[in-house]
């Protein structure tokens, strides 16, 4: 079997000037913080994936879903490689709940400049790009 990168979608959700982070468990990156997200499904748009994964994981509905950036993420210890598509979205409605307690310990809102630690590798790479969801992208 040939090893190829998988496609992940991470969703940076903004509400009241803060960003939603979840603490992973029972998978690679356990105890690290990341955005809601998961694998892109066959024939699914990035926007559909972002909305589906957010609802499945957090019970939240999002709006204004748009492409933010992408990262190339290698997890040496786990022998995994992902291309992560980061989507930016605004909170729309719903009560924040941990819908998959076997995969996530908790969800909470944090300031972008003071994220929880340690961060998942994909989000570390996002910060290395100097991405900021509160500043317009430069061309």
C-alpha atoms as a PDB file:
ATOM      1  CA  UNK A   1       0.000   0.000   0.000  1.00  0.00           C
ATOM      2  CA  UNK A   2       1.335   3.376  -0.993  1.00  0.00           C
ATOM      3  CA  UNK A   3       1.490   6.074   1.650  1.00  0.00           C
ATOM      4  CA  UNK A   4      -0.055   9.352   0.565  1.00  0.00           C
ATOM      5  CA  UNK A   5      -0.981  12.458   2.509  1.00  0.00           C
ATOM      6  CA  UNK A   6      -4.554  12.732   3.770  1.00  0.00           C
ATOM      7  CA  UNK A   7      -6.640  15.891   3.576  1.00  0.00           C
ATOM      8  CA  UNK A   8      -7.788  17.428   6.828  1.00  0.00           C
ATOM      9  CA  UNK A   9     -10.004  20.469   7.309  1.00  0.00           C
ATOM     10  CA  UNK A  10      -9.560  22.692  10.361  1.00  0.00           C
ATOM     11  CA  UNK A  11     -12.117  25.384  11.215  1.00  0.00           C
ATOM     12  CA  UNK A  12     -11.046  28.598  12.901  1.00  0.00           C
ATOM     13  CA  UNK A  13     -14.326  29.840  14.424  1.00  0.00           C
ATOM     14  CA  UNK A  14     -14.631  33.392  15.670  1.00  0.00           C
ATOM     15  CA  UNK A  15     -17.075  34.556  18.341  1.00  0.00           C
ATOM     16  CA  UNK A  16     -16.853  37.823  20.295  1.00  0.00           C
ATOM     17  CA  UNK A  17     -13.211  38.352  19.335  1.00  0.00           C
ATOM     18  CA  UNK A  18     -12.125  34.874  20.450  1.00  0.00           C
ATOM     19  CA  UNK A  19     -11.343  31.570  18.711  1.00  0.00           C
ATOM     20  CA  UNK A  20     -12.633  28.080  19.565  1.00  0.00           C
ATOM     21  CA  UNK A  21     -10.079  25.450  20.618  1.00  0.00           C
ATOM     22  CA  UNK A  22     -10.513  21.793  21.617  1.00  0.00           C
ATOM     23  CA  UNK A  23      -8.202  19.517  23.605  1.00  0.00           C
ATOM     24  CA  UNK A  24      -7.639  16.267  21.674  1.00  0.00           C
ATOM     25  CA  UNK A  25      -7.571  12.780  23.137  1.00  0.00           C
ATOM     26  CA  UNK A  26      -7.288   9.140  21.982  1.00  0.00           C
ATOM     27  CA  UNK A  27      -5.564   9.927  18.673  1.00  0.00           C
ATOM     28  CA  UNK A  28      -2.341  11.406  17.387  1.00  0.00           C
ATOM     29  CA  UNK A  29      -1.800  14.729  19.072  1.00  0.00           C
ATOM     30  CA  UNK A  30      -3.549  13.680  22.291  1.00  0.00           C
ATOM     31  CA  UNK A  31      -3.545  16.453  24.941  1.00  0.00           C
ATOM     32  CA  UNK A  32      -2.800  19.063  22.246  1.00  0.00           C
ATOM     33  CA  UNK A  33      -5.206  21.865  21.336  1.00  0.00           C
ATOM     34  CA  UNK A  34      -6.667  22.345  17.870  1.00  0.00           C
ATOM     35  CA  UNK A  35      -9.664  23.692  16.002  1.00  0.00           C
ATOM     36  CA  UNK A  36     -12.743  21.633  15.180  1.00  0.00           C
ATOM     37  CA  UNK A  37     -12.219  19.624  12.013  1.00  0.00           C
ATOM     38  CA  UNK A  38     -11.545  16.275  10.452  1.00  0.00           C
ATOM     39  CA  UNK A  39     -11.119  14.412   7.200  1.00  0.00           C
ATOM     40  CA  UNK A  40     -12.504  15.751   3.941  1.00  0.00           C
ATOM     41  CA  UNK A  41     -14.996  13.196   2.616  1.00  0.00           C
ATOM     42  CA  UNK A  42     -15.304  12.114  -1.024  1.00  0.00           C
ATOM     43  CA  UNK A  43     -17.283  14.671  -3.110  1.00  0.00           C
ATOM     44  CA  UNK A  44     -17.551  17.059  -0.134  1.00  0.00           C
ATOM     45  CA  UNK A  45     -16.733  20.755  -0.490  1.00  0.00           C
ATOM     46  CA  UNK A  46     -14.389  22.380   2.014  1.00  0.00           C
ATOM     47  CA  UNK A  47     -17.293  24.495   3.276  1.00  0.00           C
ATOM     48  CA  UNK A  48     -19.548  21.452   3.724  1.00  0.00           C
ATOM     49  CA  UNK A  49     -16.804  19.622   5.597  1.00  0.00           C
ATOM     50  CA  UNK A  50     -16.226  22.606   7.891  1.00  0.00           C
ATOM     51  CA  UNK A  51     -19.935  22.881   8.736  1.00  0.00           C
ATOM     52  CA  UNK A  52     -20.371  19.108   9.223  1.00  0.00           C
ATOM     53  CA  UNK A  53     -17.315  18.598  11.407  1.00  0.00           C
ATOM     54  CA  UNK A  54     -18.100  21.667  13.534  1.00  0.00           C
ATOM     55  CA  UNK A  55     -21.658  20.505  14.189  1.00  0.00           C
ATOM     56  CA  UNK A  56     -20.595  16.876  14.859  1.00  0.00           C
ATOM     57  CA  UNK A  57     -17.896  17.912  17.326  1.00  0.00           C
ATOM     58  CA  UNK A  58     -19.235  21.044  19.024  1.00  0.00           C
ATOM     59  CA  UNK A  59     -23.017  21.290  18.417  1.00  0.00           C
ATOM     60  CA  UNK A  60     -22.413  24.715  16.840  1.00  0.00           C
ATOM     61  CA  UNK A  61     -23.651  26.124  13.549  1.00  0.00           C
ATOM     62  CA  UNK A  62     -21.272  28.397  11.666  1.00  0.00           C
ATOM     63  CA  UNK A  63     -21.670  30.992   8.914  1.00  0.00           C
ATOM     64  CA  UNK A  64     -19.501  33.002   6.502  1.00  0.00           C
ATOM     65  CA  UNK A  65     -17.323  29.924   5.931  1.00  0.00           C
ATOM     66  CA  UNK A  66     -14.351  30.822   3.752  1.00  0.00           C
ATOM     67  CA  UNK A  67     -10.886  29.558   2.863  1.00  0.00           C
ATOM     68  CA  UNK A  68      -8.101  30.882   5.099  1.00  0.00           C
ATOM     69  CA  UNK A  69      -4.879  29.011   4.243  1.00  0.00           C
ATOM     70  CA  UNK A  70      -3.328  25.542   4.116  1.00  0.00           C
ATOM     71  CA  UNK A  71      -0.470  23.795   5.885  1.00  0.00           C
ATOM     72  CA  UNK A  72       1.696  20.775   5.082  1.00  0.00           C
ATOM     73  CA  UNK A  73       1.869  18.723   8.278  1.00  0.00           C
ATOM     74  CA  UNK A  74       4.048  15.707   9.005  1.00  0.00           C
ATOM     75  CA  UNK A  75       3.731  13.700  12.183  1.00  0.00           C
ATOM     76  CA  UNK A  76       6.975  11.715  12.283  1.00  0.00           C
ATOM     77  CA  UNK A  77       6.267   9.597  15.358  1.00  0.00           C
ATOM     78  CA  UNK A  78       2.897   8.483  13.993  1.00  0.00           C
ATOM     79  CA  UNK A  79       4.134   8.208  10.392  1.00  0.00           C
ATOM     80  CA  UNK A  80       1.266  10.419   9.218  1.00  0.00           C
ATOM     81  CA  UNK A  81       1.196  13.236   6.692  1.00  0.00           C
ATOM     82  CA  UNK A  82      -1.675  15.676   6.206  1.00  0.00           C
ATOM     83  CA  UNK A  83      -2.430  18.639   4.036  1.00  0.00           C
ATOM     84  CA  UNK A  84      -4.654  20.728   6.283  1.00  0.00           C
ATOM     85  CA  UNK A  85      -7.079  23.160   4.701  1.00  0.00           C
ATOM     86  CA  UNK A  86      -7.946  25.861   7.209  1.00  0.00           C
ATOM     87  CA  UNK A  87     -11.328  27.477   6.895  1.00  0.00           C
ATOM     88  CA  UNK A  88     -12.381  30.639   8.683  1.00  0.00           C
ATOM     89  CA  UNK A  89     -15.939  30.941   9.985  1.00  0.00           C
ATOM     90  CA  UNK A  90     -18.130  32.999  12.278  1.00  0.00           C
ATOM     91  CA  UNK A  91     -20.242  31.532  15.068  1.00  0.00           C
ATOM     92  CA  UNK A  92     -23.912  31.434  14.055  1.00  0.00           C
ATOM     93  CA  UNK A  93     -25.905  29.528  16.681  1.00  0.00           C
ATOM     94  CA  UNK A  94     -25.967  26.626  19.106  1.00  0.00           C
ATOM     95  CA  UNK A  95     -24.840  25.764  22.603  1.00  0.00           C
ATOM     96  CA  UNK A  96     -21.217  24.637  22.834  1.00  0.00           C
ATOM     97  CA  UNK A  97     -21.048  20.961  23.848  1.00  0.00           C
ATOM     98  CA  UNK A  98     -18.415  18.252  23.703  1.00  0.00           C
ATOM     99  CA  UNK A  99     -20.301  15.965  21.285  1.00  0.00           C
ATOM    100  CA  UNK A 100     -17.469  13.418  20.908  1.00  0.00           C
ATOM    101  CA  UNK A 101     -16.083  12.991  24.442  1.00  0.00           C
ATOM    102  CA  UNK A 102     -14.019  10.018  23.264  1.00  0.00           C
ATOM    103  CA  UNK A 103     -12.102  12.359  20.923  1.00  0.00           C
ATOM    104  CA  UNK A 104     -12.063  15.677  22.786  1.00  0.00           C
ATOM    105  CA  UNK A 105     -11.694  16.539  26.475  1.00  0.00           C
ATOM    106  CA  UNK A 106     -13.071  20.078  26.262  1.00  0.00           C
ATOM    107  CA  UNK A 107     -13.868  23.076  24.062  1.00  0.00           C
ATOM    108  CA  UNK A 108     -13.275  26.698  25.017  1.00  0.00           C
ATOM    109  CA  UNK A 109     -12.829  30.176  23.544  1.00  0.00           C
ATOM    110  CA  UNK A 110      -9.393  31.811  23.707  1.00  0.00           C
ATOM    111  CA  UNK A 111      -7.726  35.026  22.529  1.00  0.00           C
ATOM    112  CA  UNK A 112      -5.787  34.458  19.301  1.00  0.00           C
ATOM    113  CA  UNK A 113      -2.671  36.015  20.842  1.00  0.00           C
ATOM    114  CA  UNK A 114      -2.876  33.746  23.903  1.00  0.00           C
ATOM    115  CA  UNK A 115      -3.874  30.249  22.674  1.00  0.00           C
ATOM    116  CA  UNK A 116      -3.978  27.202  24.953  1.00  0.00           C
ATOM    117  CA  UNK A 117      -0.841  25.054  25.037  1.00  0.00           C
ATOM    118  CA  UNK A 118       0.455  22.780  23.695  1.00  0.00           C
ATOM    119  CA  UNK A 119      -0.858  23.282  20.167  1.00  0.00           C
ATOM    120  CA  UNK A 120      -1.447  20.490  17.637  1.00  0.00           C
ATOM    121  CA  UNK A 121       1.182  20.412  14.861  1.00  0.00           C
ATOM    122  CA  UNK A 122      -1.182  21.780  12.177  1.00  0.00           C
ATOM    123  CA  UNK A 123      -1.969  24.822  14.317  1.00  0.00           C
ATOM    124  CA  UNK A 124       1.728  25.284  15.178  1.00  0.00           C
ATOM    125  CA  UNK A 125       2.386  25.450  11.431  1.00  0.00           C
ATOM    126  CA  UNK A 126      -0.478  27.923  11.052  1.00  0.00           C
ATOM    127  CA  UNK A 127       1.141  30.280  13.577  1.00  0.00           C
ATOM    128  CA  UNK A 128       4.510  29.826  11.800  1.00  0.00           C
ATOM    129  CA  UNK A 129       2.830  31.246   8.681  1.00  0.00           C
ATOM    130  CA  UNK A 130       1.903  34.302  10.776  1.00  0.00           C
ATOM    131  CA  UNK A 131      -1.743  33.702   9.952  1.00  0.00           C
ATOM    132  CA  UNK A 132      -4.115  35.883  11.964  1.00  0.00           C
ATOM    133  CA  UNK A 133      -7.904  35.458  11.587  1.00  0.00           C
ATOM    134  CA  UNK A 134      -8.458  39.052  12.708  1.00  0.00           C
ATOM    135  CA  UNK A 135      -6.267  40.640  10.033  1.00  0.00           C
ATOM    136  CA  UNK A 136      -7.009  40.678   6.316  1.00  0.00           C
ATOM    137  CA  UNK A 137      -4.816  38.447   4.202  1.00  0.00           C
ATOM    138  CA  UNK A 138      -2.011  40.251   2.410  1.00  0.00           C
ATOM    139  CA  UNK A 139      -1.557  39.602  -1.293  1.00  0.00           C
END
